[in-house]
Amino acid sequence: MTDEIRLRGLRAFAHHGVFDDERANGQEFIIDVDARLSLSGLGDDIAQTIHYGELAVAIVDAVETDPVDLIETVAERVAAIVLGFGAVSTRVEVHKPSAPITVRFDDVSVVIERTRA
């Protein structure tokens, strides 16, 4: 499948993390998503594709609720949402730019790929 709808740089403020200060203070998470599906022959009907505005809102809502320890778990949550919107497969990257690391760094992220059963 080569057709994709991509969302880049979705921003969500959430309280995920292992450490107490992450849970108490929260931080920004940045999410990139590739939703893979066939766009062949769909014409000009939004009902035949994924409404990326609604998908973006659903992803941010899911990331901002129900804190978990790991961004791996956040990525799984996002993948399930994308597949629920009708994607055949998805690639999800969750960035944690303010991760509690004691050395200088640009980014920490987790990337997963999932396919609908």
PDB file of N, CA and C in Angstrom:
ATOM      1  N   MET A   1       0.854  -1.170   0.000  1.00  0.00           N
ATOM      2  CA  MET A   1       0.000   0.000   0.000  1.00  0.00           C
ATOM      3  C   MET A   1       0.900   1.233   0.000  1.00  0.00           C
ATOM      4  N   THR A   2       0.754   2.074  -0.991  1.00  0.00           N
ATOM      5  CA  THR A   2       1.618   3.241  -1.089  1.00  0.00           C
ATOM      6  C   THR A   2       0.899   4.548  -0.800  1.00  0.00           C
ATOM      7  N   ASP A   3      -0.412   4.528  -0.668  1.00  0.00           N
ATOM      8  CA  ASP A   3      -1.143   5.749  -0.397  1.00  0.00           C
ATOM      9  C   ASP A   3      -1.140   6.032   1.101  1.00  0.00           C
ATOM     10  N   GLU A   4      -0.933   7.295   1.458  1.00  0.00           N
ATOM     11  CA  GLU A   4      -0.878   7.662   2.872  1.00  0.00           C
ATOM     12  C   GLU A   4      -1.493   9.022   3.094  1.00  0.00           C
ATOM     13  N   ILE A   5      -2.076   9.176   4.239  1.00  0.00           N
ATOM     14  CA  ILE A   5      -2.430  10.484   4.764  1.00  0.00           C
ATOM     15  C   ILE A   5      -1.485  10.697   5.938  1.00  0.00           C
ATOM     16  N   ARG A   6      -0.775  11.811   5.933  1.00  0.00           N
ATOM     17  CA  ARG A   6       0.228  12.068   6.968  1.00  0.00           C
ATOM     18  C   ARG A   6      -0.166  13.267   7.822  1.00  0.00           C
ATOM     19  N   LEU A   7      -0.011  13.091   9.100  1.00  0.00           N
ATOM     20  CA  LEU A   7      -0.147  14.186  10.057  1.00  0.00           C
ATOM     21  C   LEU A   7       1.207  14.350  10.730  1.00  0.00           C
ATOM     22  N   ARG A   8       1.736  15.551  10.736  1.00  0.00           N
ATOM     23  CA  ARG A   8       3.046  15.811  11.323  1.00  0.00           C
ATOM     24  C   ARG A   8       2.937  16.889  12.389  1.00  0.00           C
ATOM     25  N   GLY A   9       3.616  16.634  13.493  1.00  0.00           N
ATOM     26  CA  GLY A   9       3.748  17.650  14.526  1.00  0.00           C
ATOM     27  C   GLY A   9       2.504  17.928  15.342  1.00  0.00           C
ATOM     28  N   LEU A  10       1.621  16.937  15.481  1.00  0.00           N
ATOM     29  CA  LEU A  10       0.481  17.132  16.377  1.00  0.00           C
ATOM     30  C   LEU A  10       1.011  17.356  17.787  1.00  0.00           C
ATOM     31  N   ARG A  11       0.481  18.341  18.470  1.00  0.00           N
ATOM     32  CA  ARG A  11       0.967  18.690  19.801  1.00  0.00           C
ATOM     33  C   ARG A  11      -0.092  18.359  20.851  1.00  0.00           C
ATOM     34  N   ALA A  12       0.350  17.695  21.913  1.00  0.00           N
ATOM     35  CA  ALA A  12      -0.539  17.363  23.020  1.00  0.00           C
ATOM     36  C   ALA A  12       0.212  17.586  24.326  1.00  0.00           C
ATOM     37  N   PHE A  13      -0.446  18.178  25.296  1.00  0.00           N
ATOM     38  CA  PHE A  13       0.141  18.353  26.617  1.00  0.00           C
ATOM     39  C   PHE A  13      -0.455  17.290  27.520  1.00  0.00           C
ATOM     40  N   ALA A  14       0.427  16.462  28.106  1.00  0.00           N
ATOM     41  CA  ALA A  14      -0.067  15.329  28.882  1.00  0.00           C
ATOM     42  C   ALA A  14       0.867  15.040  30.056  1.00  0.00           C
ATOM     43  N   HIS A  15       0.445  14.114  30.894  1.00  0.00           N
ATOM     44  CA  HIS A  15       1.141  13.803  32.140  1.00  0.00           C
ATOM     45  C   HIS A  15       1.678  12.378  32.155  1.00  0.00           C
ATOM     46  N   HIS A  16       2.194  11.923  31.020  1.00  0.00           N
ATOM     47  CA  HIS A  16       2.768  10.587  30.929  1.00  0.00           C
ATOM     48  C   HIS A  16       4.198  10.599  31.451  1.00  0.00           C
ATOM     49  N   GLY A  17       4.616   9.481  32.019  1.00  0.00           N
ATOM     50  CA  GLY A  17       5.997   9.362  32.454  1.00  0.00           C
ATOM     51  C   GLY A  17       6.118   8.511  33.694  1.00  0.00           C
ATOM     52  N   VAL A  18       7.320   8.071  33.930  1.00  0.00           N
ATOM     53  CA  VAL A  18       7.621   7.205  35.065  1.00  0.00           C
ATOM     54  C   VAL A  18       7.838   8.016  36.341  1.00  0.00           C
ATOM     55  N   PHE A  19       8.361   9.221  36.190  1.00  0.00           N
ATOM     56  CA  PHE A  19       8.749  10.011  37.352  1.00  0.00           C
ATOM     57  C   PHE A  19       7.610  10.896  37.848  1.00  0.00           C
ATOM     58  N   ASP A  20       7.600  11.119  39.176  1.00  0.00           N
ATOM     59  CA  ASP A  20       6.532  11.900  39.803  1.00  0.00           C
ATOM     60  C   ASP A  20       6.394  13.301  39.210  1.00  0.00           C
ATOM     61  N   ASP A  21       7.519  13.967  38.921  1.00  0.00           N
ATOM     62  CA  ASP A  21       7.423  15.331  38.389  1.00  0.00           C
ATOM     63  C   ASP A  21       6.833  15.344  36.977  1.00  0.00           C
ATOM     64  N   GLU A  22       7.054  14.288  36.193  1.00  0.00           N
ATOM     65  CA  GLU A  22       6.420  14.203  34.869  1.00  0.00           C
ATOM     66  C   GLU A  22       4.906  14.100  35.019  1.00  0.00           C
ATOM     67  N   ARG A  23       4.488  13.312  35.968  1.00  0.00           N
ATOM     68  CA  ARG A  23       3.056  13.128  36.201  1.00  0.00           C
ATOM     69  C   ARG A  23       2.426  14.396  36.769  1.00  0.00           C
ATOM     70  N   ALA A  24       3.152  15.086  37.650  1.00  0.00           N
ATOM     71  CA  ALA A  24       2.600  16.277  38.296  1.00  0.00           C
ATOM     72  C   ALA A  24       2.586  17.480  37.357  1.00  0.00           C
ATOM     73  N   ASN A  25       3.687  17.704  36.645  1.00  0.00           N
ATOM     74  CA  ASN A  25       3.835  18.922  35.846  1.00  0.00           C
ATOM     75  C   ASN A  25       3.418  18.766  34.392  1.00  0.00           C
ATOM     76  N   GLY A  26       3.469  17.559  33.869  1.00  0.00           N
ATOM     77  CA  GLY A  26       3.140  17.313  32.471  1.00  0.00           C
ATOM     78  C   GLY A  26       4.194  17.875  31.537  1.00  0.00           C
ATOM     79  N   GLN A  27       4.029  17.593  30.260  1.00  0.00           N
ATOM     80  CA  GLN A  27       4.953  18.072  29.228  1.00  0.00           C
ATOM     81  C   GLN A  27       4.312  17.894  27.865  1.00  0.00           C
ATOM     82  N   GLU A  28       4.933  18.507  26.874  1.00  0.00           N
ATOM     83  CA  GLU A  28       4.420  18.401  25.512  1.00  0.00           C
ATOM     84  C   GLU A  28       4.911  17.119  24.853  1.00  0.00           C
ATOM     85  N   PHE A  29       4.010  16.486  24.132  1.00  0.00           N
ATOM     86  CA  PHE A  29       4.327  15.341  23.288  1.00  0.00           C
ATOM     87  C   PHE A  29       3.998  15.738  21.862  1.00  0.00           C
ATOM     88  N   ILE A  30       4.813  15.284  20.928  1.00  0.00           N
ATOM     89  CA  ILE A  30       4.604  15.591  19.513  1.00  0.00           C
ATOM     90  C   ILE A  30       4.397  14.273  18.780  1.00  0.00           C
ATOM     91  N   ILE A  31       3.353  14.212  17.984  1.00  0.00           N
ATOM     92  CA  ILE A  31       2.976  12.954  17.337  1.00  0.00           C
ATOM     93  C   ILE A  31       2.978  13.123  15.826  1.00  0.00           C
ATOM     94  N   ASP A  32       3.625  12.163  15.154  1.00  0.00           N
ATOM     95  CA  ASP A  32       3.605  12.063  13.692  1.00  0.00           C
ATOM     96  C   ASP A  32       2.907  10.760  13.328  1.00  0.00           C
ATOM     97  N   VAL A  33       2.019  10.828  12.349  1.00  0.00           N
ATOM     98  CA  VAL A  33       1.228   9.657  11.965  1.00  0.00           C
ATOM     99  C   VAL A  33       1.202   9.515  10.450  1.00  0.00           C
ATOM    100  N   ASP A  34       1.385   8.286   9.985  1.00  0.00           N
ATOM    101  CA  ASP A  34       1.108   7.916   8.600  1.00  0.00           C
ATOM    102  C   ASP A  34      -0.063   6.945   8.639  1.00  0.00           C
ATOM    103  N   ALA A  35      -1.157   7.310   8.009  1.00  0.00           N
ATOM    104  CA  ALA A  35      -2.324   6.435   7.897  1.00  0.00           C
ATOM    105  C   ALA A  35      -2.328   5.887   6.475  1.00  0.00           C
ATOM    106  N   ARG A  36      -2.109   4.586   6.335  1.00  0.00           N
ATOM    107  CA  ARG A  36      -2.020   3.969   5.010  1.00  0.00           C
ATOM    108  C   ARG A  36      -3.370   3.374   4.621  1.00  0.00           C
ATOM    109  N   LEU A  37      -3.788   3.705   3.407  1.00  0.00           N
ATOM    110  CA  LEU A  37      -5.046   3.206   2.881  1.00  0.00           C
ATOM    111  C   LEU A  37      -5.026   3.392   1.372  1.00  0.00           C
ATOM    112  N   SER A  38      -5.984   2.807   0.697  1.00  0.00           N
ATOM    113  CA  SER A  38      -6.071   2.990  -0.742  1.00  0.00           C
ATOM    114  C   SER A  38      -6.889   4.227  -1.041  1.00  0.00           C
ATOM    115  N   LEU A  39      -6.283   5.130  -1.795  1.00  0.00           N
ATOM    116  CA  LEU A  39      -6.988   6.337  -2.224  1.00  0.00           C
ATOM    117  C   LEU A  39      -7.404   6.236  -3.685  1.00  0.00           C
ATOM    118  N   SER A  40      -7.187   5.079  -4.274  1.00  0.00           N
ATOM    119  CA  SER A  40      -7.499   4.858  -5.680  1.00  0.00           C
ATOM    120  C   SER A  40      -9.005   4.842  -5.906  1.00  0.00           C
ATOM    121  N   GLY A  41      -9.451   5.654  -6.834  1.00  0.00           N
ATOM    122  CA  GLY A  41     -10.851   5.634  -7.244  1.00  0.00           C
ATOM    123  C   GLY A  41     -11.829   6.197  -6.245  1.00  0.00           C
ATOM    124  N   LEU A  42     -11.386   6.940  -5.254  1.00  0.00           N
ATOM    125  CA  LEU A  42     -12.318   7.431  -4.253  1.00  0.00           C
ATOM    126  C   LEU A  42     -13.118   8.630  -4.729  1.00  0.00           C
ATOM    127  N   GLY A  43     -12.720   9.223  -5.827  1.00  0.00           N
ATOM    128  CA  GLY A  43     -13.448  10.383  -6.314  1.00  0.00           C
ATOM    129  C   GLY A  43     -13.198  11.589  -5.434  1.00  0.00           C
ATOM    130  N   ASP A  44     -14.251  12.363  -5.189  1.00  0.00           N
ATOM    131  CA  ASP A  44     -14.114  13.593  -4.421  1.00  0.00           C
ATOM    132  C   ASP A  44     -15.039  13.571  -3.213  1.00  0.00           C
ATOM    133  N   ASP A  45     -15.141  12.407  -2.566  1.00  0.00           N
ATOM    134  CA  ASP A  45     -16.086  12.207  -1.466  1.00  0.00           C
ATOM    135  C   ASP A  45     -15.311  11.949  -0.177  1.00  0.00           C
ATOM    136  N   ILE A  46     -15.422  12.856   0.777  1.00  0.00           N
ATOM    137  CA  ILE A  46     -14.694  12.717   2.041  1.00  0.00           C
ATOM    138  C   ILE A  46     -15.094  11.457   2.802  1.00  0.00           C
ATOM    139  N   ALA A  47     -16.275  10.956   2.561  1.00  0.00           N
ATOM    140  CA  ALA A  47     -16.720   9.738   3.239  1.00  0.00           C
ATOM    141  C   ALA A  47     -15.907   8.518   2.796  1.00  0.00           C
ATOM    142  N   GLN A  48     -15.197   8.636   1.688  1.00  0.00           N
ATOM    143  CA  GLN A  48     -14.414   7.514   1.161  1.00  0.00           C
ATOM    144  C   GLN A  48     -12.963   7.545   1.635  1.00  0.00           C
ATOM    145  N   THR A  49     -12.610   8.513   2.461  1.00  0.00           N
ATOM    146  CA  THR A  49     -11.237   8.643   2.930  1.00  0.00           C
ATOM    147  C   THR A  49     -11.249   8.881   4.435  1.00  0.00           C
ATOM    148  N   ILE A  50     -10.134   9.266   4.987  1.00  0.00           N
ATOM    149  CA  ILE A  50     -10.038   9.577   6.409  1.00  0.00           C
ATOM    150  C   ILE A  50     -10.100  11.090   6.575  1.00  0.00           C
ATOM    151  N   HIS A  51     -10.995  11.544   7.412  1.00  0.00           N
ATOM    152  CA  HIS A  51     -11.117  12.972   7.705  1.00  0.00           C
ATOM    153  C   HIS A  51      -9.968  13.319   8.656  1.00  0.00           C
ATOM    154  N   TYR A  52      -8.917  13.906   8.120  1.00  0.00           N
ATOM    155  CA  TYR A  52      -7.709  14.110   8.928  1.00  0.00           C
ATOM    156  C   TYR A  52      -7.910  15.113  10.061  1.00  0.00           C
ATOM    157  N   GLY A  53      -8.863  16.010   9.928  1.00  0.00           N
ATOM    158  CA  GLY A  53      -9.159  16.925  11.027  1.00  0.00           C
ATOM    159  C   GLY A  53      -9.754  16.192  12.222  1.00  0.00           C
ATOM    160  N   GLU A  54     -10.707  15.316  11.942  1.00  0.00           N
ATOM    161  CA  GLU A  54     -11.302  14.509  13.020  1.00  0.00           C
ATOM    162  C   GLU A  54     -10.281  13.544  13.602  1.00  0.00           C
ATOM    163  N   LEU A  55      -9.437  12.969  12.764  1.00  0.00           N
ATOM    164  CA  LEU A  55      -8.391  12.062  13.241  1.00  0.00           C
ATOM    165  C   LEU A  55      -7.434  12.806  14.165  1.00  0.00           C
ATOM    166  N   ALA A  56      -7.023  14.006  13.784  1.00  0.00           N
ATOM    167  CA  ALA A  56      -6.092  14.791  14.605  1.00  0.00           C
ATOM    168  C   ALA A  56      -6.684  15.072  15.981  1.00  0.00           C
ATOM    169  N   VAL A  57      -7.952  15.465  16.030  1.00  0.00           N
ATOM    170  CA  VAL A  57      -8.603  15.746  17.307  1.00  0.00           C
ATOM    171  C   VAL A  57      -8.675  14.481  18.165  1.00  0.00           C
ATOM    172  N   ALA A  58      -9.019  13.351  17.554  1.00  0.00           N
ATOM    173  CA  ALA A  58      -9.121  12.093  18.297  1.00  0.00           C
ATOM    174  C   ALA A  58      -7.763  11.683  18.873  1.00  0.00           C
ATOM    175  N   ILE A  59      -6.703  11.878  18.105  1.00  0.00           N
ATOM    176  CA  ILE A  59      -5.362  11.520  18.579  1.00  0.00           C
ATOM    177  C   ILE A  59      -4.964  12.396  19.760  1.00  0.00           C
ATOM    178  N   VAL A  60      -5.118  13.694  19.618  1.00  0.00           N
ATOM    179  CA  VAL A  60      -4.735  14.603  20.705  1.00  0.00           C
ATOM    180  C   VAL A  60      -5.568  14.326  21.949  1.00  0.00           C
ATOM    181  N   ASP A  61      -6.862  14.113  21.794  1.00  0.00           N
ATOM    182  CA  ASP A  61      -7.714  13.786  22.947  1.00  0.00           C
ATOM    183  C   ASP A  61      -7.227  12.528  23.652  1.00  0.00           C
ATOM    184  N   ALA A  62      -6.861  11.512  22.886  1.00  0.00           N
ATOM    185  CA  ALA A  62      -6.401  10.247  23.480  1.00  0.00           C
ATOM    186  C   ALA A  62      -5.061  10.410  24.187  1.00  0.00           C
ATOM    187  N   VAL A  63      -4.174  11.223  23.627  1.00  0.00           N
ATOM    188  CA  VAL A  63      -2.867  11.423  24.247  1.00  0.00           C
ATOM    189  C   VAL A  63      -3.001  12.233  25.537  1.00  0.00           C
ATOM    190  N   GLU A  64      -3.931  13.161  25.565  1.00  0.00           N
ATOM    191  CA  GLU A  64      -4.054  14.044  26.718  1.00  0.00           C
ATOM    192  C   GLU A  64      -4.838  13.449  27.882  1.00  0.00           C
ATOM    193  N   THR A  65      -5.371  12.241  27.730  1.00  0.00           N
ATOM    194  CA  THR A  65      -6.130  11.618  28.811  1.00  0.00           C
ATOM    195  C   THR A  65      -5.444  10.353  29.294  1.00  0.00           C
ATOM    196  N   ASP A  66      -5.821   9.925  30.483  1.00  0.00           N
ATOM    197  CA  ASP A  66      -5.395   8.652  31.054  1.00  0.00           C
ATOM    198  C   ASP A  66      -3.878   8.469  31.028  1.00  0.00           C
ATOM    199  N   PRO A  67      -3.156   9.147  31.918  1.00  0.00           N
ATOM    200  CA  PRO A  67      -1.695   9.054  31.940  1.00  0.00           C
ATOM    201  C   PRO A  67      -1.181   7.620  32.094  1.00  0.00           C
ATOM    202  N   VAL A  68      -0.091   7.345  31.388  1.00  0.00           N
ATOM    203  CA  VAL A  68       0.593   6.053  31.450  1.00  0.00           C
ATOM    204  C   VAL A  68       2.082   6.310  31.668  1.00  0.00           C
ATOM    205  N   ASP A  69       2.823   5.265  31.968  1.00  0.00           N
ATOM    206  CA  ASP A  69       4.254   5.403  32.215  1.00  0.00           C
ATOM    207  C   ASP A  69       5.058   5.610  30.935  1.00  0.00           C
ATOM    208  N   LEU A  70       4.740   4.855  29.896  1.00  0.00           N
ATOM    209  CA  LEU A  70       5.624   4.752  28.731  1.00  0.00           C
ATOM    210  C   LEU A  70       5.054   5.408  27.486  1.00  0.00           C
ATOM    211  N   ILE A  71       5.944   6.065  26.714  1.00  0.00           N
ATOM    212  CA  ILE A  71       5.479   6.598  25.438  1.00  0.00           C
ATOM    213  C   ILE A  71       5.206   5.470  24.445  1.00  0.00           C
ATOM    214  N   GLU A  72       5.740   4.300  24.705  1.00  0.00           N
ATOM    215  CA  GLU A  72       5.404   3.134  23.893  1.00  0.00           C
ATOM    216  C   GLU A  72       3.906   2.836  23.997  1.00  0.00           C
ATOM    217  N   THR A  73       3.367   2.978  25.192  1.00  0.00           N
ATOM    218  CA  THR A  73       1.936   2.764  25.410  1.00  0.00           C
ATOM    219  C   THR A  73       1.120   3.852  24.720  1.00  0.00           C
ATOM    220  N   VAL A  74       1.608   5.085  24.761  1.00  0.00           N
ATOM    221  CA  VAL A  74       0.941   6.184  24.058  1.00  0.00           C
ATOM    222  C   VAL A  74       0.903   5.887  22.564  1.00  0.00           C
ATOM    223  N   ALA A  75       2.012   5.411  22.015  1.00  0.00           N
ATOM    224  CA  ALA A  75       2.077   5.095  20.581  1.00  0.00           C
ATOM    225  C   ALA A  75       1.071   4.000  20.218  1.00  0.00           C
ATOM    226  N   GLU A  76       0.945   2.986  21.045  1.00  0.00           N
ATOM    227  CA  GLU A  76      -0.034   1.919  20.799  1.00  0.00           C
ATOM    228  C   GLU A  76      -1.452   2.480  20.800  1.00  0.00           C
ATOM    229  N   ARG A  77      -1.723   3.373  21.720  1.00  0.00           N
ATOM    230  CA  ARG A  77      -3.049   4.005  21.808  1.00  0.00           C
ATOM    231  C   ARG A  77      -3.357   4.772  20.521  1.00  0.00           C
ATOM    232  N   VAL A  78      -2.369   5.533  20.057  1.00  0.00           N
ATOM    233  CA  VAL A  78      -2.555   6.313  18.831  1.00  0.00           C
ATOM    234  C   VAL A  78      -2.768   5.390  17.632  1.00  0.00           C
ATOM    235  N   ALA A  79      -1.980   4.328  17.533  1.00  0.00           N
ATOM    236  CA  ALA A  79      -2.122   3.389  16.411  1.00  0.00           C
ATOM    237  C   ALA A  79      -3.522   2.793  16.374  1.00  0.00           C
ATOM    238  N   ALA A  80      -4.055   2.439  17.520  1.00  0.00           N
ATOM    239  CA  ALA A  80      -5.405   1.871  17.570  1.00  0.00           C
ATOM    240  C   ALA A  80      -6.439   2.869  17.051  1.00  0.00           C
ATOM    241  N   ILE A  81      -6.263   4.127  17.356  1.00  0.00           N
ATOM    242  CA  ILE A  81      -7.186   5.153  16.867  1.00  0.00           C
ATOM    243  C   ILE A  81      -7.107   5.270  15.352  1.00  0.00           C
ATOM    244  N   VAL A  82      -5.888   5.317  14.826  1.00  0.00           N
ATOM    245  CA  VAL A  82      -5.709   5.455  13.373  1.00  0.00           C
ATOM    246  C   VAL A  82      -6.343   4.277  12.649  1.00  0.00           C
ATOM    247  N   LEU A  83      -6.108   3.073  13.136  1.00  0.00           N
ATOM    248  CA  LEU A  83      -6.704   1.888  12.504  1.00  0.00           C
ATOM    249  C   LEU A  83      -8.224   1.921  12.627  1.00  0.00           C
ATOM    250  N   GLY A  84      -8.733   2.473  13.721  1.00  0.00           N
ATOM    251  CA  GLY A  84     -10.173   2.606  13.904  1.00  0.00           C
ATOM    252  C   GLY A  84     -10.822   3.595  12.939  1.00  0.00           C
ATOM    253  N   PHE A  85     -10.023   4.484  12.382  1.00  0.00           N
ATOM    254  CA  PHE A  85     -10.526   5.433  11.391  1.00  0.00           C
ATOM    255  C   PHE A  85     -10.518   4.846   9.983  1.00  0.00           C
ATOM    256  N   GLY A  86     -10.120   3.588   9.856  1.00  0.00           N
ATOM    257  CA  GLY A  86     -10.198   2.924   8.561  1.00  0.00           C
ATOM    258  C   GLY A  86      -8.877   2.713   7.854  1.00  0.00           C
ATOM    259  N   ALA A  87      -7.782   3.129   8.468  1.00  0.00           N
ATOM    260  CA  ALA A  87      -6.482   2.871   7.849  1.00  0.00           C
ATOM    261  C   ALA A  87      -6.205   1.374   7.852  1.00  0.00           C
ATOM    262  N   VAL A  88      -5.546   0.896   6.812  1.00  0.00           N
ATOM    263  CA  VAL A  88      -5.159  -0.509   6.725  1.00  0.00           C
ATOM    264  C   VAL A  88      -3.930  -0.768   7.585  1.00  0.00           C
ATOM    265  N   SER A  89      -3.033   0.215   7.625  1.00  0.00           N
ATOM    266  CA  SER A  89      -1.864   0.141   8.494  1.00  0.00           C
ATOM    267  C   SER A  89      -1.455   1.554   8.869  1.00  0.00           C
ATOM    268  N   THR A  90      -0.577   1.638   9.853  1.00  0.00           N
ATOM    269  CA  THR A  90      -0.141   2.946  10.312  1.00  0.00           C
ATOM    270  C   THR A  90       1.281   2.899  10.840  1.00  0.00           C
ATOM    271  N   ARG A  91       1.923   4.018  10.744  1.00  0.00           N
ATOM    272  CA  ARG A  91       3.216   4.252  11.379  1.00  0.00           C
ATOM    273  C   ARG A  91       3.008   5.432  12.306  1.00  0.00           C
ATOM    274  N   VAL A  92       3.380   5.262  13.570  1.00  0.00           N
ATOM    275  CA  VAL A  92       3.189   6.294  14.581  1.00  0.00           C
ATOM    276  C   VAL A  92       4.534   6.592  15.230  1.00  0.00           C
ATOM    277  N   GLU A  93       4.849   7.876  15.346  1.00  0.00           N
ATOM    278  CA  GLU A  93       6.044   8.288  16.082  1.00  0.00           C
ATOM    279  C   GLU A  93       5.612   9.277  17.154  1.00  0.00           C
ATOM    280  N   VAL A  94       5.962   8.958  18.401  1.00  0.00           N
ATOM    281  CA  VAL A  94       5.661   9.831  19.531  1.00  0.00           C
ATOM    282  C   VAL A  94       6.983  10.397  20.034  1.00  0.00           C
ATOM    283  N   HIS A  95       7.079  11.726  19.999  1.00  0.00           N
ATOM    284  CA  HIS A  95       8.281  12.430  20.439  1.00  0.00           C
ATOM    285  C   HIS A  95       8.060  12.957  21.855  1.00  0.00           C
ATOM    286  N   LYS A  96       9.119  12.892  22.638  1.00  0.00           N
ATOM    287  CA  LYS A  96       9.096  13.422  23.999  1.00  0.00           C
ATOM    288  C   LYS A  96      10.304  14.353  24.152  1.00  0.00           C
ATOM    289  N   PRO A  97      10.194  15.583  23.631  1.00  0.00           N
ATOM    290  CA  PRO A  97      11.352  16.471  23.580  1.00  0.00           C
ATOM    291  C   PRO A  97      11.845  16.968  24.934  1.00  0.00           C
ATOM    292  N   SER A  98      11.038  16.820  25.979  1.00  0.00           N
ATOM    293  CA  SER A  98      11.464  17.243  27.320  1.00  0.00           C
ATOM    294  C   SER A  98      11.682  16.059  28.243  1.00  0.00           C
ATOM    295  N   ALA A  99      12.068  14.938  27.673  1.00  0.00           N
ATOM    296  CA  ALA A  99      12.300  13.730  28.473  1.00  0.00           C
ATOM    297  C   ALA A  99      13.349  14.010  29.550  1.00  0.00           C
ATOM    298  N   PRO A 100      13.221  13.353  30.697  1.00  0.00           N
ATOM    299  CA  PRO A 100      14.159  13.587  31.800  1.00  0.00           C
ATOM    300  C   PRO A 100      15.495  12.860  31.572  1.00  0.00           C
ATOM    301  N   ILE A 101      16.298  13.439  30.707  1.00  0.00           N
ATOM    302  CA  ILE A 101      17.618  12.893  30.387  1.00  0.00           C
ATOM    303  C   ILE A 101      18.646  13.903  30.874  1.00  0.00           C
ATOM    304  N   THR A 102      19.730  13.428  31.456  1.00  0.00           N
ATOM    305  CA  THR A 102      20.689  14.327  32.094  1.00  0.00           C
ATOM    306  C   THR A 102      21.759  14.870  31.158  1.00  0.00           C
ATOM    307  N   VAL A 103      21.726  14.495  29.887  1.00  0.00           N
ATOM    308  CA  VAL A 103      22.675  15.027  28.909  1.00  0.00           C
ATOM    309  C   VAL A 103      21.897  15.805  27.853  1.00  0.00           C
ATOM    310  N   ARG A 104      22.596  16.647  27.101  1.00  0.00           N
ATOM    311  CA  ARG A 104      21.938  17.416  26.041  1.00  0.00           C
ATOM    312  C   ARG A 104      21.449  16.479  24.943  1.00  0.00           C
ATOM    313  N   PHE A 105      20.257  16.755  24.441  1.00  0.00           N
ATOM    314  CA  PHE A 105      19.697  15.941  23.362  1.00  0.00           C
ATOM    315  C   PHE A 105      18.672  16.773  22.604  1.00  0.00           C
ATOM    316  N   ASP A 106      18.369  16.348  21.397  1.00  0.00           N
ATOM    317  CA  ASP A 106      17.375  17.034  20.584  1.00  0.00           C
ATOM    318  C   ASP A 106      15.988  16.425  20.716  1.00  0.00           C
ATOM    319  N   ASP A 107      15.928  15.102  20.800  1.00  0.00           N
ATOM    320  CA  ASP A 107      14.623  14.457  20.777  1.00  0.00           C
ATOM    321  C   ASP A 107      14.752  13.018  21.255  1.00  0.00           C
ATOM    322  N   VAL A 108      13.694  12.527  21.816  1.00  0.00           N
ATOM    323  CA  VAL A 108      13.526  11.107  22.116  1.00  0.00           C
ATOM    324  C   VAL A 108      12.192  10.728  21.492  1.00  0.00           C
ATOM    325  N   SER A 109      12.161   9.603  20.790  1.00  0.00           N
ATOM    326  CA  SER A 109      10.876   9.189  20.210  1.00  0.00           C
ATOM    327  C   SER A 109      10.789   7.684  20.147  1.00  0.00           C
ATOM    328  N   VAL A 110       9.562   7.229  20.034  1.00  0.00           N
ATOM    329  CA  VAL A 110       9.259   5.821  19.822  1.00  0.00           C
ATOM    330  C   VAL A 110       8.491   5.722  18.524  1.00  0.00           C
ATOM    331  N   VAL A 111       8.869   4.767  17.675  1.00  0.00           N
ATOM    332  CA  VAL A 111       8.203   4.547  16.392  1.00  0.00           C
ATOM    333  C   VAL A 111       7.640   3.132  16.389  1.00  0.00           C
ATOM    334  N   ILE A 112       6.357   3.027  16.033  1.00  0.00           N
ATOM    335  CA  ILE A 112       5.755   1.707  15.865  1.00  0.00           C
ATOM    336  C   ILE A 112       5.007   1.673  14.536  1.00  0.00           C
ATOM    337  N   GLU A 113       4.858   0.469  14.000  1.00  0.00           N
ATOM    338  CA  GLU A 113       4.021   0.243  12.820  1.00  0.00           C
ATOM    339  C   GLU A 113       3.044  -0.861  13.165  1.00  0.00           C
ATOM    340  N   ARG A 114       1.790  -0.639  12.817  1.00  0.00           N
ATOM    341  CA  ARG A 114       0.738  -1.613  13.096  1.00  0.00           C
ATOM    342  C   ARG A 114      -0.144  -1.778  11.871  1.00  0.00           C
ATOM    343  N   THR A 115      -0.702  -2.991  11.730  1.00  0.00           N
ATOM    344  CA  THR A 115      -1.609  -3.326  10.628  1.00  0.00           C
ATOM    345  C   THR A 115      -2.916  -3.831  11.208  1.00  0.00           C
ATOM    346  N   ARG A 116      -4.004  -3.423  10.571  1.00  0.00           N
ATOM    347  CA  ARG A 116      -5.323  -3.879  11.015  1.00  0.00           C
ATOM    348  C   ARG A 116      -5.450  -5.371  10.731  1.00  0.00           C
ATOM    349  N   ALA A 117      -6.012  -6.079  11.688  1.00  0.00           N
ATOM    350  CA  ALA A 117      -6.176  -7.536  11.544  1.00  0.00           C
ATOM    351  C   ALA A 117      -7.231  -7.858  10.514  1.00  0.00           C
TER     352      ALA A 117
END
